[in-house]
Amino acid sequence: MEAETRGRTIAPDAGGCQVVASTLGYGAAALGGAARVLDSVDSGRLPRVS
């Protein structure tokens, strides 16, 4: 994976990037999505229902 990432990077010698497994758990994406919606509601912007 490191070789593939390096090959697709614009400036591989400028620091690069590192791919690691998440330790946040399976619910992290759902919690982040809920927090984003709640932040909008708290600031007075209600989400549109389609």
N, C-alpha and C. Protein backbone atom coordinates (compact mmCIF):
# COMPACT_ATOMS: atom_id res chain seq x y z
N MET A 1 0.82 -1.17 0.00
CA MET A 1 0.00 0.00 0.00
C MET A 1 0.88 1.25 0.00
N GLU A 2 1.98 1.21 0.71
CA GLU A 2 2.86 2.38 0.76
C GLU A 2 3.40 2.75 -0.62
N ALA A 3 3.78 1.74 -1.41
CA ALA A 3 4.30 2.01 -2.75
C ALA A 3 3.22 2.62 -3.64
N GLU A 4 1.99 2.12 -3.56
CA GLU A 4 0.89 2.65 -4.35
C GLU A 4 0.58 4.09 -3.94
N THR A 5 0.54 4.35 -2.65
CA THR A 5 0.28 5.71 -2.16
C THR A 5 1.37 6.66 -2.61
N ARG A 6 2.61 6.24 -2.49
CA ARG A 6 3.74 7.07 -2.92
C ARG A 6 3.68 7.36 -4.41
N GLY A 7 3.28 6.37 -5.21
CA GLY A 7 3.20 6.55 -6.65
C GLY A 7 2.09 7.50 -7.08
N ARG A 8 1.08 7.69 -6.25
CA ARG A 8 -0.05 8.57 -6.59
C ARG A 8 0.01 9.93 -5.90
N THR A 9 1.09 10.19 -5.19
CA THR A 9 1.24 11.44 -4.46
C THR A 9 1.91 12.49 -5.36
N ILE A 10 1.46 13.74 -5.27
CA ILE A 10 2.03 14.81 -6.08
C ILE A 10 3.49 15.07 -5.71
N ALA A 11 3.79 15.11 -4.45
CA ALA A 11 5.16 15.40 -3.98
C ALA A 11 5.56 14.36 -2.93
N PRO A 12 5.91 13.14 -3.35
CA PRO A 12 6.18 12.07 -2.38
C PRO A 12 7.36 12.34 -1.45
N ASP A 13 8.28 13.17 -1.85
CA ASP A 13 9.44 13.46 -1.00
C ASP A 13 9.21 14.63 -0.05
N ALA A 14 8.00 15.18 -0.05
CA ALA A 14 7.70 16.34 0.80
C ALA A 14 7.00 15.94 2.10
N GLY A 15 7.09 14.69 2.48
CA GLY A 15 6.48 14.26 3.73
C GLY A 15 5.58 13.06 3.58
N GLY A 16 4.94 12.94 2.42
CA GLY A 16 4.10 11.79 2.15
C GLY A 16 2.89 11.69 3.07
N CYS A 17 2.31 10.51 3.10
CA CYS A 17 1.17 10.26 3.98
C CYS A 17 1.28 8.84 4.51
N GLN A 18 0.49 8.56 5.52
CA GLN A 18 0.53 7.25 6.15
C GLN A 18 -0.89 6.73 6.28
N VAL A 19 -1.12 5.48 5.93
CA VAL A 19 -2.43 4.85 6.05
C VAL A 19 -2.40 3.92 7.25
N VAL A 20 -3.33 4.14 8.19
CA VAL A 20 -3.39 3.31 9.39
C VAL A 20 -4.84 2.89 9.64
N ALA A 21 -5.02 1.80 10.35
CA ALA A 21 -6.36 1.34 10.70
C ALA A 21 -6.95 2.24 11.78
N SER A 22 -8.23 2.51 11.67
CA SER A 22 -8.91 3.35 12.65
C SER A 22 -9.11 2.59 13.96
N THR A 23 -8.97 3.30 15.05
CA THR A 23 -9.24 2.73 16.37
C THR A 23 -10.51 3.33 16.97
N LEU A 24 -11.28 4.04 16.14
CA LEU A 24 -12.47 4.73 16.64
C LEU A 24 -13.68 3.82 16.76
N GLY A 25 -13.67 2.67 16.13
CA GLY A 25 -14.79 1.75 16.22
C GLY A 25 -15.77 1.91 15.07
N TYR A 26 -16.72 0.96 15.00
CA TYR A 26 -17.66 0.93 13.88
C TYR A 26 -18.66 2.08 13.90
N GLY A 27 -18.97 2.62 15.05
CA GLY A 27 -19.98 3.67 15.15
C GLY A 27 -19.47 5.07 14.92
N ALA A 28 -18.18 5.24 14.66
CA ALA A 28 -17.59 6.58 14.54
C ALA A 28 -18.22 7.40 13.43
N ALA A 29 -18.46 6.80 12.26
CA ALA A 29 -19.04 7.55 11.13
C ALA A 29 -20.46 8.01 11.45
N ALA A 30 -21.25 7.13 12.07
CA ALA A 30 -22.62 7.49 12.43
C ALA A 30 -22.64 8.60 13.47
N LEU A 31 -21.77 8.51 14.45
CA LEU A 31 -21.70 9.56 15.47
C LEU A 31 -21.27 10.89 14.87
N GLY A 32 -20.33 10.85 13.94
CA GLY A 32 -19.89 12.08 13.28
C GLY A 32 -21.00 12.71 12.46
N GLY A 33 -21.77 11.87 11.75
CA GLY A 33 -22.89 12.38 10.96
C GLY A 33 -23.96 12.99 11.84
N ALA A 34 -24.27 12.33 12.95
CA ALA A 34 -25.27 12.86 13.88
C ALA A 34 -24.79 14.16 14.51
N ALA A 35 -23.51 14.23 14.85
CA ALA A 35 -22.97 15.46 15.46
C ALA A 35 -23.05 16.63 14.48
N ARG A 36 -22.83 16.36 13.20
CA ARG A 36 -22.90 17.43 12.19
C ARG A 36 -24.32 17.97 12.08
N VAL A 37 -25.31 17.09 12.05
CA VAL A 37 -26.71 17.53 11.97
C VAL A 37 -27.09 18.30 13.22
N LEU A 38 -26.71 17.79 14.39
CA LEU A 38 -27.04 18.48 15.64
C LEU A 38 -26.37 19.85 15.72
N ASP A 39 -25.17 19.98 15.18
CA ASP A 39 -24.49 21.28 15.16
C ASP A 39 -25.28 22.26 14.31
N SER A 40 -25.81 21.81 13.18
CA SER A 40 -26.64 22.67 12.32
C SER A 40 -27.91 23.10 13.04
N VAL A 41 -28.56 22.17 13.72
CA VAL A 41 -29.79 22.48 14.45
C VAL A 41 -29.49 23.47 15.58
N ASP A 42 -28.40 23.25 16.29
CA ASP A 42 -28.03 24.16 17.38
C ASP A 42 -27.77 25.58 16.89
N SER A 43 -27.29 25.71 15.66
CA SER A 43 -26.99 27.05 15.14
C SER A 43 -28.20 27.66 14.43
N GLY A 44 -29.35 26.96 14.47
CA GLY A 44 -30.58 27.51 13.92
C GLY A 44 -30.86 27.12 12.48
N ARG A 45 -30.02 26.28 11.90
CA ARG A 45 -30.23 25.85 10.51
C ARG A 45 -30.82 24.44 10.52
N LEU A 46 -32.10 24.32 10.25
CA LEU A 46 -32.75 23.03 10.27
C LEU A 46 -32.49 22.31 8.93
N PRO A 47 -32.23 21.01 8.99
CA PRO A 47 -31.99 20.26 7.74
C PRO A 47 -33.25 20.15 6.92
N ARG A 48 -33.11 20.11 5.59
CA ARG A 48 -34.25 19.98 4.70
C ARG A 48 -34.71 18.54 4.64
N VAL A 49 -36.00 18.34 4.64
CA VAL A 49 -36.56 17.01 4.50
C VAL A 49 -37.03 16.87 3.06
N SER A 50 -36.52 15.84 2.39
CA SER A 50 -36.91 15.68 0.98
C SER A 50 -37.82 14.51 0.78
